[in-house]
Amino acid sequence: MKHAFNSRGVFSLLALLLLMAPTAWAQNYKIDPSHSFVQFRISHLGFSILNGRFNDVSGHFLYDKGDPETSFVKMEVKTGSIDSNHAERDKHLRGEHFLHADKFPVATFNSISFSEEGKTGTLIGELTLHGVTRQIELYVQRLGEGSDPWGGYRLGFKAQGSIKLKEFDINYDLGPASEELRLDLYIEGIRAY
């Protein structure tokens, strides 16, 4: 009788492992705000390129090596953390003509789908900025992963895409060369155990 119980227990364990197999590689990561950045580039009236970044990025993502399509990311960016290396310009960018950070203090990105081939992929998600939600597409590159010196495990990605400011009701006229904003995201996550 005892042998039969043990056999049933083994079979139950095997059945549970088989059910879990499709998500066995799925790992949750918390975005490391001190090593993650959202950078932007936009033409300055057609004369030059303005570069800047947002300093306050948070969120988490799930990445599944065995089934990348089940991966997802949820991210928040504090719009008031914009930094273009010029205090007066940043004050203007936080104001009503651009980000209106007092009214819309947080921009969010929630993924809808992810496909990957090798170390590159396509991430589609909903970006909410300036009170408007639009679907955007980002081209993603997996940069690296491994153990860190503090006993954690990290995974990093780079993502690139672009948005049109007018689609987010940011209508300040900077000329036709400045209608599109390029985005570069560098996201490093620490695996949650």
Protein backbone atom coordinates (compact mmCIF):
# COMPACT_ATOMS: atom_id res chain seq x y z
CA MET A 1 0.00 0.00 0.00
CA LYS A 2 2.82 2.36 0.86
CA HIS A 3 4.50 1.61 -2.50
CA ALA A 4 1.28 2.43 -4.39
CA PHE A 5 1.02 5.79 -2.56
CA ASN A 6 4.61 6.66 -3.48
CA SER A 7 3.97 5.76 -7.14
CA ARG A 8 0.87 7.94 -7.19
CA GLY A 9 2.89 10.75 -5.63
CA VAL A 10 5.61 10.43 -8.27
CA PHE A 11 3.04 10.40 -11.09
CA SER A 12 1.33 13.45 -9.62
CA LEU A 13 4.64 15.29 -9.45
CA LEU A 14 5.47 14.37 -13.06
CA ALA A 15 2.03 15.55 -14.22
CA LEU A 16 2.53 18.87 -12.40
CA LEU A 17 5.96 19.35 -14.00
CA LEU A 18 4.54 18.65 -17.46
CA LEU A 19 1.81 21.22 -16.92
CA MET A 20 4.39 23.78 -15.84
CA ALA A 21 6.82 23.01 -18.69
CA PRO A 22 5.67 25.72 -21.14
CA THR A 23 6.43 28.46 -18.59
CA ALA A 24 9.42 26.85 -16.91
CA TRP A 25 11.76 29.51 -18.34
CA ALA A 26 9.56 32.50 -17.50
CA GLN A 27 11.29 34.90 -15.14
CA ASN A 28 10.07 38.12 -13.54
CA TYR A 29 12.40 41.11 -13.47
CA LYS A 30 12.12 44.42 -11.65
CA ILE A 31 13.42 47.35 -13.70
CA ASP A 32 16.55 48.79 -12.08
CA PRO A 33 15.95 52.58 -12.13
CA SER A 34 19.62 53.41 -11.67
CA HIS A 35 20.60 51.47 -14.81
CA SER A 36 17.56 52.08 -17.02
CA PHE A 37 17.01 55.11 -19.21
CA VAL A 38 14.49 56.50 -21.67
CA GLN A 39 16.34 58.77 -24.05
CA PHE A 40 14.91 60.90 -26.85
CA ARG A 41 16.13 62.75 -29.93
CA ILE A 42 14.32 65.41 -31.91
CA SER A 43 15.35 67.89 -34.55
CA HIS A 44 15.83 71.43 -33.27
CA LEU A 45 14.05 73.48 -35.93
CA GLY A 46 15.90 71.53 -38.62
CA PHE A 47 19.24 73.00 -37.53
CA SER A 48 20.56 70.39 -35.13
CA ILE A 49 19.49 67.50 -32.88
CA LEU A 50 18.29 67.90 -29.30
CA ASN A 51 19.07 64.93 -27.06
CA GLY A 52 17.57 64.34 -23.64
CA ARG A 53 16.33 61.72 -21.25
CA PHE A 54 13.89 60.92 -18.48
CA ASN A 55 15.63 60.13 -15.20
CA ASP A 56 12.79 58.39 -13.33
CA VAL A 57 11.91 55.02 -14.88
CA SER A 58 10.25 52.10 -13.04
CA GLY A 59 8.30 48.94 -13.70
CA HIS A 60 8.77 45.25 -14.31
CA PHE A 61 8.88 42.71 -17.11
CA LEU A 62 8.52 38.98 -17.61
CA TYR A 63 10.81 37.25 -20.09
CA ASP A 64 10.42 33.66 -21.21
CA LYS A 65 13.28 32.20 -23.26
CA GLY A 66 11.28 29.10 -24.08
CA ASP A 67 8.20 31.02 -25.22
CA PRO A 68 9.11 34.68 -25.91
CA GLU A 69 5.59 35.52 -27.10
CA THR A 70 4.33 35.25 -23.50
CA SER A 71 6.79 37.92 -22.34
CA PHE A 72 5.51 41.35 -21.34
CA VAL A 73 6.63 44.68 -19.87
CA LYS A 74 4.89 47.34 -17.78
CA MET A 75 6.76 50.59 -17.36
CA GLU A 76 6.20 54.05 -15.86
CA VAL A 77 8.13 57.23 -16.58
CA LYS A 78 7.77 60.39 -14.50
CA THR A 79 7.39 63.17 -17.06
CA GLY A 80 8.76 65.77 -14.64
CA SER A 81 12.10 63.94 -14.66
CA ILE A 82 12.89 65.16 -18.18
CA ASP A 83 16.52 66.27 -18.50
CA SER A 84 17.84 68.01 -21.61
CA ASN A 85 20.87 69.48 -19.83
CA HIS A 86 19.33 72.98 -19.73
CA ALA A 87 17.22 74.02 -16.73
CA GLU A 88 15.12 76.70 -18.46
CA ARG A 89 14.37 74.48 -21.44
CA ASP A 90 13.39 71.63 -19.11
CA LYS A 91 10.99 73.97 -17.30
CA HIS A 92 9.42 74.81 -20.67
CA LEU A 93 9.21 71.13 -21.67
CA ARG A 94 7.44 70.30 -18.37
CA GLY A 95 4.91 73.08 -19.03
CA GLU A 96 1.54 73.22 -20.78
CA HIS A 97 2.93 73.46 -24.33
CA PHE A 98 4.66 70.08 -24.12
CA LEU A 99 4.42 67.43 -21.36
CA HIS A 100 2.14 69.37 -18.98
CA ALA A 101 3.76 67.38 -16.16
CA ASP A 102 1.54 68.87 -13.44
CA LYS A 103 -1.57 67.46 -15.13
CA PHE A 104 0.04 64.32 -16.62
CA PRO A 105 2.82 63.35 -14.20
CA VAL A 106 3.28 59.79 -15.47
CA ALA A 107 3.70 58.25 -18.92
CA THR A 108 3.07 54.50 -19.12
CA PHE A 109 3.89 51.70 -21.53
CA ASN A 110 2.08 48.34 -21.41
CA SER A 111 3.05 45.69 -23.92
CA ILE A 112 0.49 43.90 -26.08
CA SER A 113 2.73 41.46 -27.97
CA PHE A 114 6.37 40.46 -28.34
CA SER A 115 8.08 38.36 -30.98
CA GLU A 116 11.76 37.42 -30.97
CA GLU A 117 14.19 35.78 -33.34
CA GLY A 118 17.66 35.26 -31.91
CA LYS A 119 18.53 38.34 -29.88
CA THR A 120 16.25 40.79 -31.72
CA GLY A 121 12.53 41.23 -31.70
CA THR A 122 9.49 43.46 -32.04
CA LEU A 123 7.54 44.79 -29.08
CA ILE A 124 4.10 46.30 -29.60
CA GLY A 125 2.37 48.11 -26.78
CA GLU A 126 0.24 51.01 -25.63
CA LEU A 127 1.99 54.24 -24.74
CA THR A 128 0.01 56.71 -22.66
CA LEU A 129 1.52 60.19 -22.82
CA HIS A 130 -0.05 63.61 -22.24
CA GLY A 131 -3.37 61.90 -21.48
CA VAL A 132 -3.48 60.11 -24.85
CA THR A 133 -3.02 56.37 -25.45
CA ARG A 134 -1.60 55.13 -28.75
CA GLN A 135 -0.19 51.85 -29.95
CA ILE A 136 3.51 51.99 -30.82
CA GLU A 137 6.09 49.52 -32.11
CA LEU A 138 9.59 49.14 -30.71
CA TYR A 139 12.50 47.22 -32.18
CA VAL A 140 14.22 45.30 -29.39
CA GLN A 141 17.70 43.89 -28.93
CA ARG A 142 18.62 41.61 -26.03
CA LEU A 143 21.98 42.96 -24.82
CA GLY A 144 23.11 40.51 -22.16
CA GLU A 145 22.33 38.62 -18.99
CA GLY A 146 24.06 36.99 -16.06
CA SER A 147 24.95 37.15 -12.40
CA ASP A 148 25.96 40.49 -10.93
CA PRO A 149 28.58 41.12 -8.19
CA TRP A 150 25.85 41.49 -5.51
CA GLY A 151 24.29 38.05 -5.83
CA GLY A 152 21.52 39.02 -8.25
CA TYR A 153 20.78 38.04 -11.82
CA ARG A 154 20.30 40.72 -14.50
CA LEU A 155 18.94 40.95 -18.01
CA GLY A 156 19.21 43.98 -20.28
CA PHE A 157 17.46 45.16 -23.45
CA LYS A 158 17.68 48.07 -25.86
CA ALA A 159 14.53 49.23 -27.65
CA GLN A 160 14.10 51.84 -30.36
CA GLY A 161 11.11 53.50 -31.97
CA SER A 162 9.51 56.83 -32.76
CA ILE A 163 6.33 58.76 -32.07
CA LYS A 164 4.66 61.77 -33.65
CA LEU A 165 4.05 64.44 -31.04
CA LYS A 166 0.76 65.63 -32.59
CA GLU A 167 -0.69 62.14 -32.14
CA PHE A 168 -0.33 62.74 -28.38
CA ASP A 169 -1.91 66.22 -28.55
CA ILE A 170 1.44 67.98 -28.23
CA ASN A 171 0.92 70.63 -30.88
CA TYR A 172 3.61 73.23 -30.24
CA ASP A 173 4.94 74.16 -33.68
CA LEU A 174 8.64 73.39 -33.97
CA GLY A 175 8.57 73.07 -37.75
CA PRO A 176 8.14 70.01 -40.01
CA ALA A 177 11.57 68.57 -39.18
CA SER A 178 10.56 68.30 -35.51
CA GLU A 179 7.28 66.43 -35.82
CA GLU A 180 8.79 63.04 -34.95
CA LEU A 181 10.52 62.13 -31.69
CA ARG A 182 12.98 59.23 -31.68
CA LEU A 183 13.05 57.01 -28.57
CA ASP A 184 15.91 54.89 -27.26
CA LEU A 185 15.18 52.76 -24.20
CA TYR A 186 17.87 50.98 -22.22
CA ILE A 187 16.19 48.68 -19.71
CA GLU A 188 18.04 46.56 -17.16
CA GLY A 189 16.09 44.23 -14.91
CA ILE A 190 16.97 42.40 -11.72
CA ARG A 191 15.40 38.95 -11.47
CA ALA A 192 12.86 38.60 -8.67
CA TYR A 193 13.24 35.33 -6.74
